């Protein structure tokens, strides 16, 4: 044991001399004390997110995306119909009739969506129109109706004011990845 301690001390002592004897030159080139840029290593995106959660999110996005196409077509139709209308009461009458028609057409489909699918749909609407669902309801039906639907969505853990931000939200980043890989091919 005594020999082991002696050899360890000798090796440690010699290594300290080797460290102090190193030169800052290589083949005549003198190195200065310079710092390199910081490199950040991140794990692969899908592995940081639970695979089960990723596949559930993928299923939700694929299920909800056709509704987004329907919303796009309906809003385009409503915009073209409302361009020629000048009186506010005619606009309100048209939007009320359109809302009743849409409620009758999509009631069973929307009622069959889960809470998370509704959240994903709200995020996709923001991604597509750069407006949250609350603003869209405010534009077409008014602030009171938007407030009422917002409170109803909060009862079911939703938020009509949810945004889509790929840089800050990991779920949004995954939604964008799913859209690029599977939906928007």
N, C-alpha and C. Protein backbone atom coordinates (compact mmCIF):
# COMPACT_ATOMS: atom_id res chain seq x y z
N UNK A 1 0.82 -1.19 0.00
CA UNK A 1 0.00 0.00 0.00
C UNK A 1 0.87 1.26 0.00
N UNK A 2 1.99 1.17 0.79
CA UNK A 2 2.90 2.30 0.87
C UNK A 2 3.53 2.58 -0.48
N UNK A 3 3.86 1.53 -1.23
CA UNK A 3 4.46 1.68 -2.56
C UNK A 3 3.47 2.34 -3.51
N UNK A 4 2.19 1.96 -3.42
CA UNK A 4 1.16 2.53 -4.29
C UNK A 4 1.02 4.03 -4.06
N UNK A 5 1.07 4.44 -2.82
CA UNK A 5 0.97 5.86 -2.50
C UNK A 5 2.20 6.59 -3.03
N UNK A 6 3.38 6.00 -2.90
CA UNK A 6 4.60 6.63 -3.40
C UNK A 6 4.55 6.79 -4.91
N UNK A 7 4.14 5.72 -5.62
CA UNK A 7 4.06 5.80 -7.08
C UNK A 7 3.02 6.83 -7.54
N UNK A 8 1.90 6.88 -6.86
CA UNK A 8 0.87 7.86 -7.19
C UNK A 8 1.39 9.28 -6.99
N UNK A 9 2.10 9.51 -5.90
CA UNK A 9 2.66 10.84 -5.64
C UNK A 9 3.70 11.21 -6.70
N UNK A 10 4.53 10.27 -7.10
CA UNK A 10 5.56 10.54 -8.10
C UNK A 10 4.92 10.87 -9.45
N UNK A 11 3.92 10.11 -9.83
CA UNK A 11 3.23 10.35 -11.11
C UNK A 11 2.52 11.71 -11.08
N UNK A 12 1.88 12.03 -9.98
CA UNK A 12 1.19 13.31 -9.86
C UNK A 12 2.19 14.47 -9.92
N UNK A 13 3.32 14.32 -9.25
CA UNK A 13 4.35 15.35 -9.22
C UNK A 13 4.94 15.58 -10.61
N UNK A 14 5.22 14.51 -11.34
CA UNK A 14 5.78 14.65 -12.69
C UNK A 14 4.76 15.26 -13.67
N UNK A 15 3.50 14.92 -13.49
CA UNK A 15 2.46 15.48 -14.37
C UNK A 15 2.31 16.99 -14.20
N UNK A 16 2.51 17.48 -12.98
CA UNK A 16 2.42 18.93 -12.78
C UNK A 16 3.54 19.63 -13.55
N UNK A 17 4.72 19.03 -13.60
CA UNK A 17 5.80 19.63 -14.39
C UNK A 17 5.48 19.58 -15.87
N UNK A 18 4.89 18.50 -16.33
CA UNK A 18 4.54 18.39 -17.75
C UNK A 18 3.50 19.44 -18.15
N UNK A 19 2.58 19.72 -17.27
CA UNK A 19 1.54 20.70 -17.58
C UNK A 19 2.15 22.08 -17.71
N UNK A 20 3.05 22.44 -16.82
CA UNK A 20 3.65 23.76 -16.87
C UNK A 20 4.69 23.91 -17.98
N UNK A 21 5.14 22.81 -18.54
CA UNK A 21 6.17 22.86 -19.57
C UNK A 21 5.59 22.90 -20.98
N UNK A 22 4.28 22.85 -21.11
CA UNK A 22 3.71 22.87 -22.45
C UNK A 22 3.88 24.24 -23.07
N UNK A 23 4.16 24.27 -24.37
CA UNK A 23 4.32 25.54 -25.05
C UNK A 23 3.07 25.87 -25.85
N UNK A 24 2.91 27.13 -26.18
CA UNK A 24 1.76 27.58 -26.95
C UNK A 24 2.10 27.73 -28.42
N UNK A 25 2.97 26.90 -28.93
CA UNK A 25 3.32 27.00 -30.35
C UNK A 25 3.31 25.61 -30.97
N UNK A 26 3.02 25.60 -32.25
CA UNK A 26 3.00 24.36 -33.01
C UNK A 26 3.61 24.66 -34.37
N UNK A 27 4.70 24.01 -34.68
CA UNK A 27 5.42 24.21 -35.95
C UNK A 27 5.73 25.70 -36.19
N UNK A 28 6.10 26.38 -35.15
CA UNK A 28 6.48 27.77 -35.29
C UNK A 28 5.32 28.75 -35.22
N UNK A 29 4.09 28.26 -35.21
CA UNK A 29 2.92 29.14 -35.13
C UNK A 29 2.57 29.35 -33.66
N UNK A 30 2.50 30.59 -33.26
CA UNK A 30 2.25 30.93 -31.87
C UNK A 30 0.74 31.08 -31.65
N UNK A 31 0.18 30.39 -30.67
CA UNK A 31 -1.24 30.48 -30.35
C UNK A 31 -1.45 31.54 -29.28
N UNK A 32 -2.48 32.32 -29.46
CA UNK A 32 -2.83 33.30 -28.43
C UNK A 32 -4.01 32.74 -27.64
N UNK A 33 -4.30 33.38 -26.57
CA UNK A 33 -5.44 32.95 -25.75
C UNK A 33 -6.72 33.43 -26.44
N UNK A 34 -7.34 32.57 -27.21
CA UNK A 34 -8.57 32.94 -27.90
C UNK A 34 -9.68 31.98 -27.50
N UNK A 35 -10.87 32.50 -27.49
CA UNK A 35 -12.03 31.69 -27.12
C UNK A 35 -12.78 31.27 -28.37
N UNK A 36 -13.31 30.09 -28.34
CA UNK A 36 -14.11 29.59 -29.45
C UNK A 36 -15.58 29.86 -29.18
N UNK A 37 -16.37 29.87 -30.24
CA UNK A 37 -17.80 30.07 -30.09
C UNK A 37 -18.40 28.88 -29.35
N UNK A 38 -19.46 29.17 -28.61
CA UNK A 38 -20.13 28.13 -27.86
C UNK A 38 -20.95 27.25 -28.79
N UNK A 39 -20.90 25.96 -28.58
CA UNK A 39 -21.67 25.01 -29.38
C UNK A 39 -22.66 24.33 -28.44
N UNK A 40 -23.95 24.39 -28.80
CA UNK A 40 -24.98 23.78 -27.99
C UNK A 40 -25.47 22.52 -28.69
N UNK A 41 -25.43 21.41 -28.00
CA UNK A 41 -25.88 20.15 -28.55
C UNK A 41 -27.25 19.83 -27.99
N UNK A 42 -28.18 19.51 -28.87
CA UNK A 42 -29.52 19.18 -28.45
C UNK A 42 -29.86 17.78 -28.95
N UNK A 43 -30.70 17.11 -28.20
CA UNK A 43 -31.12 15.77 -28.60
C UNK A 43 -32.11 15.87 -29.75
N UNK A 44 -32.32 14.76 -30.41
CA UNK A 44 -33.27 14.73 -31.52
C UNK A 44 -34.66 15.08 -30.99
N UNK A 45 -35.43 15.81 -31.78
CA UNK A 45 -36.70 16.36 -31.34
C UNK A 45 -37.68 15.29 -30.90
N UNK A 46 -37.81 14.24 -31.68
CA UNK A 46 -38.81 13.22 -31.36
C UNK A 46 -38.46 12.43 -30.10
N UNK A 47 -37.19 12.31 -29.78
CA UNK A 47 -36.83 11.55 -28.60
C UNK A 47 -37.02 12.36 -27.32
N UNK A 48 -36.97 13.69 -27.40
CA UNK A 48 -37.20 14.48 -26.20
C UNK A 48 -38.67 14.50 -25.84
N UNK A 49 -39.51 14.31 -26.80
CA UNK A 49 -40.95 14.24 -26.57
C UNK A 49 -41.30 12.77 -26.49
N UNK A 50 -42.11 12.39 -25.56
CA UNK A 50 -42.50 11.00 -25.40
C UNK A 50 -43.09 10.46 -26.71
N UNK A 51 -42.64 9.30 -27.16
CA UNK A 51 -43.08 8.76 -28.46
C UNK A 51 -44.58 8.52 -28.49
N UNK A 52 -45.14 8.08 -27.38
CA UNK A 52 -46.59 7.87 -27.33
C UNK A 52 -47.32 9.19 -27.52
N UNK A 53 -46.84 10.24 -26.83
CA UNK A 53 -47.45 11.56 -26.96
C UNK A 53 -47.29 12.10 -28.39
N UNK A 54 -46.14 11.82 -29.00
CA UNK A 54 -45.91 12.26 -30.37
C UNK A 54 -46.90 11.61 -31.33
N UNK A 55 -47.11 10.31 -31.19
CA UNK A 55 -48.04 9.63 -32.10
C UNK A 55 -49.49 10.04 -31.84
N UNK A 56 -49.83 10.31 -30.58
CA UNK A 56 -51.17 10.84 -30.29
C UNK A 56 -51.36 12.21 -30.94
N UNK A 57 -50.33 13.05 -30.83
CA UNK A 57 -50.40 14.37 -31.45
C UNK A 57 -50.50 14.26 -32.97
N UNK A 58 -49.75 13.33 -33.53
CA UNK A 58 -49.81 13.09 -34.98
C UNK A 58 -51.21 12.68 -35.40
N UNK A 59 -51.82 11.78 -34.65
CA UNK A 59 -53.18 11.34 -34.95
C UNK A 59 -54.17 12.50 -34.86
N UNK A 60 -53.99 13.35 -33.85
CA UNK A 60 -54.88 14.51 -33.68
C UNK A 60 -54.74 15.48 -34.84
N UNK A 61 -53.51 15.77 -35.23
CA UNK A 61 -53.29 16.73 -36.32
C UNK A 61 -53.88 16.20 -37.61
N UNK A 62 -53.67 14.93 -37.90
CA UNK A 62 -54.19 14.35 -39.14
C UNK A 62 -55.72 14.31 -39.12
N UNK A 63 -56.31 14.08 -37.95
CA UNK A 63 -57.77 14.06 -37.85
C UNK A 63 -58.38 15.45 -38.01
N UNK A 64 -57.71 16.46 -37.48
CA UNK A 64 -58.28 17.81 -37.42
C UNK A 64 -58.00 18.61 -38.69
N UNK A 65 -56.97 18.27 -39.44
CA UNK A 65 -56.58 19.09 -40.58
C UNK A 65 -57.68 19.25 -41.65
N UNK A 66 -58.49 18.24 -41.95
CA UNK A 66 -59.58 18.47 -42.92
C UNK A 66 -60.59 19.54 -42.47
N UNK A 67 -60.78 19.67 -41.16
CA UNK A 67 -61.66 20.74 -40.66
C UNK A 67 -61.08 22.10 -40.98
N UNK A 68 -59.77 22.20 -40.94
CA UNK A 68 -59.11 23.46 -41.28
C UNK A 68 -59.36 23.83 -42.73
N UNK A 69 -59.34 22.84 -43.62
CA UNK A 69 -59.66 23.12 -45.03
C UNK A 69 -61.09 23.62 -45.16
N UNK A 70 -62.02 23.02 -44.42
CA UNK A 70 -63.41 23.46 -44.46
C UNK A 70 -63.55 24.89 -43.94
N UNK A 71 -62.86 25.18 -42.86
CA UNK A 71 -62.90 26.54 -42.29
C UNK A 71 -62.35 27.54 -43.30
N UNK A 72 -61.27 27.17 -43.98
CA UNK A 72 -60.68 28.05 -44.98
C UNK A 72 -61.67 28.37 -46.09
N UNK A 73 -62.33 27.33 -46.60
CA UNK A 73 -63.30 27.54 -47.68
C UNK A 73 -64.49 28.37 -47.21
N UNK A 74 -64.98 28.12 -46.01
CA UNK A 74 -66.12 28.87 -45.48
C UNK A 74 -65.76 30.33 -45.27
N UNK A 75 -64.57 30.59 -44.73
CA UNK A 75 -64.18 31.99 -44.53
C UNK A 75 -63.96 32.71 -45.84
N UNK A 76 -63.43 32.02 -46.82
CA UNK A 76 -63.25 32.63 -48.14
C UNK A 76 -64.61 32.97 -48.75
N UNK A 77 -65.57 32.06 -48.64
CA UNK A 77 -66.92 32.30 -49.14
C UNK A 77 -67.59 33.45 -48.39
N UNK A 78 -67.45 33.48 -47.07
CA UNK A 78 -68.05 34.56 -46.27
C UNK A 78 -67.44 35.91 -46.62
N UNK A 79 -66.13 35.95 -46.83
CA UNK A 79 -65.48 37.22 -47.19
C UNK A 79 -65.98 37.74 -48.53
N UNK A 80 -66.12 36.85 -49.50
CA UNK A 80 -66.61 37.30 -50.82
C UNK A 80 -68.06 37.73 -50.75
N UNK A 81 -68.88 37.04 -49.94
CA UNK A 81 -70.28 37.43 -49.81
C UNK A 81 -70.45 38.74 -49.05
N UNK A 82 -69.60 38.99 -48.08
CA UNK A 82 -69.74 40.19 -47.26
C UNK A 82 -69.10 41.43 -47.88
N UNK A 83 -68.33 41.28 -48.94
CA UNK A 83 -67.70 42.45 -49.56
C UNK A 83 -68.73 43.39 -50.17
N UNK A 84 -69.80 42.84 -50.73
CA UNK A 84 -70.80 43.69 -51.38
C UNK A 84 -71.83 44.26 -50.43
N UNK A 85 -71.85 43.81 -49.18
CA UNK A 85 -72.85 44.25 -48.21
C UNK A 85 -72.34 45.48 -47.49
N UNK A 86 -73.18 46.53 -47.46
CA UNK A 86 -72.74 47.77 -46.84
C UNK A 86 -73.41 48.02 -45.49
N UNK A 87 -74.62 47.52 -45.30
CA UNK A 87 -75.33 47.79 -44.05
C UNK A 87 -74.96 46.76 -42.99
N UNK A 88 -74.82 47.27 -41.77
CA UNK A 88 -74.39 46.43 -40.66
C UNK A 88 -75.43 45.37 -40.32
N UNK A 89 -76.71 45.70 -40.43
CA UNK A 89 -77.74 44.73 -40.08
C UNK A 89 -77.79 43.59 -41.09
N UNK A 90 -77.47 43.87 -42.36
CA UNK A 90 -77.40 42.80 -43.35
C UNK A 90 -76.21 41.87 -43.08
N UNK A 91 -75.12 42.46 -42.63
CA UNK A 91 -73.94 41.66 -42.26
C UNK A 91 -74.29 40.75 -41.09
N UNK A 92 -74.96 41.31 -40.06
CA UNK A 92 -75.34 40.51 -38.90
C UNK A 92 -76.31 39.40 -39.29
N UNK A 93 -77.27 39.71 -40.14
CA UNK A 93 -78.25 38.72 -40.58
C UNK A 93 -77.54 37.59 -41.33
N UNK A 94 -76.61 37.96 -42.22
CA UNK A 94 -75.87 36.95 -42.98
C UNK A 94 -75.04 36.07 -42.06
N UNK A 95 -74.34 36.66 -41.10
CA UNK A 95 -73.48 35.87 -40.21
C UNK A 95 -74.32 34.96 -39.30
N UNK A 96 -75.49 35.44 -38.86
CA UNK A 96 -76.37 34.59 -38.06
C UNK A 96 -76.84 33.38 -38.85
N UNK A 97 -77.26 33.61 -40.10
CA UNK A 97 -77.71 32.50 -40.94
C UNK A 97 -76.55 31.53 -41.23
N UNK A 98 -75.39 32.08 -41.48
CA UNK A 98 -74.23 31.25 -41.74
C UNK A 98 -73.87 30.42 -40.51
N UNK A 99 -73.94 31.03 -39.33
CA UNK A 99 -73.64 30.30 -38.11
C UNK A 99 -74.63 29.15 -37.91
N UNK A 100 -75.92 29.40 -38.11
CA UNK A 100 -76.91 28.33 -37.96
C UNK A 100 -76.67 27.21 -38.95
N UNK A 101 -76.36 27.57 -40.18
CA UNK A 101 -76.08 26.57 -41.20
C UNK A 101 -74.86 25.72 -40.83
N UNK A 102 -73.82 26.39 -40.37
CA UNK A 102 -72.59 25.68 -39.99
C UNK A 102 -72.80 24.81 -38.75
N UNK A 103 -73.57 25.31 -37.79
CA UNK A 103 -73.84 24.52 -36.59
C UNK A 103 -74.60 23.25 -36.95
N UNK A 104 -75.57 23.36 -37.84
CA UNK A 104 -76.30 22.17 -38.26
C UNK A 104 -75.41 21.21 -39.04
N UNK A 105 -74.53 21.75 -39.86
CA UNK A 105 -73.67 20.91 -40.71
C UNK A 105 -72.56 20.22 -39.93
N UNK A 106 -71.93 20.93 -38.98
CA UNK A 106 -70.74 20.41 -38.30
C UNK A 106 -70.95 20.06 -36.83
N UNK A 107 -72.15 20.14 -36.32
CA UNK A 107 -72.39 19.91 -34.90
C UNK A 107 -71.88 18.54 -34.44
N UNK A 108 -72.27 17.50 -35.13
CA UNK A 108 -71.86 16.16 -34.68
C UNK A 108 -70.35 15.96 -34.80
N UNK A 109 -69.76 16.52 -35.85
CA UNK A 109 -68.30 16.38 -36.02
C UNK A 109 -67.53 17.11 -34.93
N UNK A 110 -67.97 18.32 -34.61
CA UNK A 110 -67.28 19.11 -33.59
C UNK A 110 -67.51 18.51 -32.21
N UNK A 111 -68.68 17.99 -31.97
CA UNK A 111 -68.97 17.38 -30.67
C UNK A 111 -68.15 16.11 -30.47
N UNK A 112 -67.74 15.44 -31.55
CA UNK A 112 -66.96 14.22 -31.41
C UNK A 112 -65.47 14.49 -31.20
N UNK A 113 -65.04 15.73 -31.34
CA UNK A 113 -63.64 16.05 -31.11
C UNK A 113 -63.32 16.00 -29.62
N UNK A 114 -62.14 15.54 -29.29
CA UNK A 114 -61.70 15.56 -27.89
C UNK A 114 -61.20 16.96 -27.55
N UNK A 115 -60.90 17.16 -26.28
CA UNK A 115 -60.41 18.48 -25.85
C UNK A 115 -59.11 18.85 -26.55
N UNK A 116 -58.18 17.89 -26.55
CA UNK A 116 -56.87 18.17 -27.16
C UNK A 116 -56.99 18.38 -28.67
N UNK A 117 -57.90 17.68 -29.32
CA UNK A 117 -58.10 17.90 -30.75
C UNK A 117 -58.63 19.30 -31.01
N UNK A 118 -59.49 19.80 -30.10
CA UNK A 118 -59.97 21.18 -30.21
C UNK A 118 -58.84 22.18 -30.04
N UNK A 119 -57.93 21.90 -29.12
CA UNK A 119 -56.77 22.78 -28.91
C UNK A 119 -55.88 22.78 -30.15
N UNK A 120 -55.66 21.60 -30.73
CA UNK A 120 -54.84 21.50 -31.94
C UNK A 120 -55.52 22.24 -33.09
N UNK A 121 -56.84 22.12 -33.22
CA UNK A 121 -57.56 22.84 -34.26
C UNK A 121 -57.42 24.35 -34.08
N UNK A 122 -57.52 24.81 -32.85
CA UNK A 122 -57.36 26.24 -32.57
C UNK A 122 -55.96 26.72 -32.95
N UNK A 123 -54.94 25.91 -32.67
CA UNK A 123 -53.57 26.29 -33.03
C UNK A 123 -53.39 26.28 -34.55
N UNK A 124 -54.00 25.32 -35.23
CA UNK A 124 -53.88 25.27 -36.69
C UNK A 124 -54.61 26.45 -37.34
N UNK A 125 -55.72 26.87 -36.75
CA UNK A 125 -56.43 28.05 -37.27
C UNK A 125 -55.53 29.27 -37.14
N UNK A 126 -54.86 29.40 -36.00
CA UNK A 126 -53.95 30.54 -35.84
C UNK A 126 -52.81 30.46 -36.85
N UNK A 127 -52.29 29.26 -37.07
CA UNK A 127 -51.19 29.07 -38.03
C UNK A 127 -51.63 29.46 -39.44
N UNK A 128 -52.85 29.11 -39.81
CA UNK A 128 -53.33 29.34 -41.17
C UNK A 128 -53.70 30.80 -41.41
N UNK A 129 -54.41 31.42 -40.47
CA UNK A 129 -54.95 32.77 -40.69
C UNK A 129 -54.19 33.86 -39.97
N UNK A 130 -53.25 33.49 -39.12
CA UNK A 130 -52.49 34.44 -38.31
C UNK A 130 -53.42 35.28 -37.42
N UNK A 131 -54.54 34.68 -37.07
CA UNK A 131 -55.50 35.26 -36.14
C UNK A 131 -55.99 34.13 -35.25
N UNK A 132 -56.15 34.42 -33.96
CA UNK A 132 -56.69 33.36 -33.13
C UNK A 132 -58.21 33.26 -33.33
N UNK A 133 -58.79 32.19 -32.83
CA UNK A 133 -60.21 31.92 -33.03
C UNK A 133 -61.05 33.00 -32.38
N UNK A 134 -60.59 33.52 -31.26
CA UNK A 134 -61.31 34.59 -30.57
C UNK A 134 -61.45 35.83 -31.47
N UNK A 135 -60.38 36.19 -32.15
CA UNK A 135 -60.44 37.35 -33.06
C UNK A 135 -61.37 37.08 -34.24
N UNK A 136 -61.37 35.87 -34.74
CA UNK A 136 -62.24 35.54 -35.88
C UNK A 136 -63.71 35.64 -35.45
N UNK A 137 -64.04 35.11 -34.27
CA UNK A 137 -65.42 35.22 -33.78
C UNK A 137 -65.77 36.68 -33.53
N UNK A 138 -64.84 37.44 -33.00
CA UNK A 138 -65.09 38.87 -32.78
C UNK A 138 -65.37 39.59 -34.09
N UNK A 139 -64.64 39.26 -35.14
CA UNK A 139 -64.85 39.92 -36.43
C UNK A 139 -66.20 39.59 -37.03
N UNK A 140 -66.65 38.36 -36.90
CA UNK A 140 -67.89 37.94 -37.55
C UNK A 140 -69.13 38.08 -36.68
N UNK A 141 -68.99 37.79 -35.38
CA UNK A 141 -70.19 37.77 -34.53
C UNK A 141 -70.17 38.81 -33.42
N UNK A 142 -69.03 39.41 -33.12
CA UNK A 142 -68.98 40.44 -32.10
C UNK A 142 -68.28 39.97 -30.84
N UNK A 143 -67.99 40.94 -29.98
CA UNK A 143 -67.22 40.68 -28.78
C UNK A 143 -67.94 39.84 -27.74
N UNK A 144 -69.28 40.04 -27.61
CA UNK A 144 -70.02 39.27 -26.62
C UNK A 144 -70.01 37.79 -26.96
N UNK A 145 -70.25 37.46 -28.23
CA UNK A 145 -70.24 36.06 -28.64
C UNK A 145 -68.84 35.45 -28.48
N UNK A 146 -67.83 36.21 -28.80
CA UNK A 146 -66.46 35.72 -28.64
C UNK A 146 -66.17 35.45 -27.17
N UNK A 147 -66.59 36.36 -26.30
CA UNK A 147 -66.40 36.18 -24.86
C UNK A 147 -67.13 34.93 -24.38
N UNK A 148 -68.36 34.74 -24.83
CA UNK A 148 -69.16 33.58 -24.43
C UNK A 148 -68.50 32.27 -24.86
N UNK A 149 -68.03 32.21 -26.11
CA UNK A 149 -67.38 31.00 -26.59
C UNK A 149 -66.04 30.77 -25.90
N UNK A 150 -65.35 31.84 -25.55
CA UNK A 150 -64.08 31.71 -24.82
C UNK A 150 -64.33 31.11 -23.44
N UNK A 151 -65.36 31.58 -22.74
CA UNK A 151 -65.67 31.04 -21.42
C UNK A 151 -66.10 29.57 -21.51
N UNK A 152 -66.86 29.24 -22.55
CA UNK A 152 -67.26 27.85 -22.74
C UNK A 152 -66.05 26.96 -23.03
N UNK A 153 -65.12 27.46 -23.82
CA UNK A 153 -63.93 26.65 -24.12
C UNK A 153 -63.05 26.49 -22.88
N UNK A 154 -63.01 27.48 -22.02
CA UNK A 154 -62.22 27.36 -20.80
C UNK A 154 -62.79 26.31 -19.85
N UNK A 155 -64.10 26.08 -19.91
CA UNK A 155 -64.69 25.01 -19.11
C UNK A 155 -64.11 23.65 -19.49
N UNK A 156 -63.74 23.50 -20.74
CA UNK A 156 -63.20 22.24 -21.24
C UNK A 156 -61.69 22.32 -21.50
N UNK A 157 -61.01 23.12 -20.72
CA UNK A 157 -59.55 23.26 -20.78
C UNK A 157 -59.05 23.75 -22.13
N UNK A 158 -59.82 24.52 -22.83
CA UNK A 158 -59.42 25.09 -24.10
C UNK A 158 -59.13 26.57 -23.96
N UNK A 159 -58.65 27.14 -25.04
CA UNK A 159 -58.39 28.58 -25.06
C UNK A 159 -58.49 29.04 -26.50
N UNK A 160 -59.47 29.89 -26.78
CA UNK A 160 -59.64 30.38 -28.13
C UNK A 160 -58.56 31.40 -28.49
N UNK A 161 -57.85 31.89 -27.51
CA UNK A 161 -56.79 32.88 -27.76
C UNK A 161 -55.42 32.22 -27.89
N UNK A 162 -55.39 30.90 -28.05
CA UNK A 162 -54.10 30.21 -28.16
C UNK A 162 -53.44 30.55 -29.48
N UNK A 163 -52.13 30.67 -29.43
CA UNK A 163 -51.35 31.03 -30.62
C UNK A 163 -50.50 29.86 -31.06
N UNK A 164 -49.86 30.03 -32.19
CA UNK A 164 -48.99 28.99 -32.76
C UNK A 164 -47.61 29.59 -32.90
N UNK A 165 -46.69 29.19 -32.03
CA UNK A 165 -45.34 29.74 -32.04
C UNK A 165 -44.33 28.59 -32.02
N UNK A 166 -43.75 28.33 -33.17
CA UNK A 166 -42.84 27.20 -33.33
C UNK A 166 -41.56 27.38 -32.51
N UNK A 167 -41.10 28.60 -32.37
CA UNK A 167 -39.83 28.84 -31.69
C UNK A 167 -39.90 28.67 -30.19
N UNK A 168 -41.06 28.92 -29.60
CA UNK A 168 -41.15 28.91 -28.14
C UNK A 168 -41.88 27.70 -27.57
N UNK A 169 -42.75 27.08 -28.35
CA UNK A 169 -43.57 25.98 -27.84
C UNK A 169 -43.19 24.68 -28.53
N UNK A 170 -42.81 23.69 -27.74
CA UNK A 170 -42.36 22.42 -28.31
C UNK A 170 -43.49 21.68 -29.00
N UNK A 171 -44.72 21.77 -28.46
CA UNK A 171 -45.86 21.11 -29.09
C UNK A 171 -46.14 21.72 -30.46
N UNK A 172 -46.02 23.05 -30.57
CA UNK A 172 -46.21 23.71 -31.86
C UNK A 172 -45.13 23.29 -32.85
N UNK A 173 -43.92 23.11 -32.36
CA UNK A 173 -42.83 22.66 -33.22
C UNK A 173 -43.13 21.25 -33.76
N UNK A 174 -43.66 20.40 -32.89
CA UNK A 174 -44.01 19.05 -33.33
C UNK A 174 -45.19 19.07 -34.31
N UNK A 175 -46.16 19.94 -34.08
CA UNK A 175 -47.28 20.06 -35.01
C UNK A 175 -46.78 20.49 -36.38
N UNK A 176 -45.88 21.44 -36.41
CA UNK A 176 -45.31 21.89 -37.69
C UNK A 176 -44.54 20.75 -38.37
N UNK A 177 -43.80 19.99 -37.59
CA UNK A 177 -43.06 18.86 -38.12
C UNK A 177 -44.01 17.81 -38.70
N UNK A 178 -45.08 17.53 -37.99
CA UNK A 178 -46.08 16.56 -38.47
C UNK A 178 -46.73 17.06 -39.75
N UNK A 179 -47.05 18.34 -39.79
CA UNK A 179 -47.67 18.90 -41.00
C UNK A 179 -46.73 18.78 -42.19
N UNK A 180 -45.45 19.07 -41.98
CA UNK A 180 -44.50 19.01 -43.08
C UNK A 180 -44.25 17.57 -43.54
N UNK A 181 -44.22 16.63 -42.60
CA UNK A 181 -43.91 15.24 -42.95
C UNK A 181 -45.10 14.47 -43.50
N UNK A 182 -46.31 14.70 -42.95
CA UNK A 182 -47.41 13.81 -43.26
C UNK A 182 -48.59 14.46 -43.97
N UNK A 183 -48.82 15.72 -43.74
CA UNK A 183 -50.02 16.34 -44.29
C UNK A 183 -49.74 17.15 -45.53
N UNK A 184 -48.69 17.93 -45.53
CA UNK A 184 -48.42 18.87 -46.62
C UNK A 184 -47.42 18.33 -47.63
N UNK A 185 -47.37 17.03 -47.82
CA UNK A 185 -46.40 16.44 -48.75
C UNK A 185 -46.60 16.93 -50.16
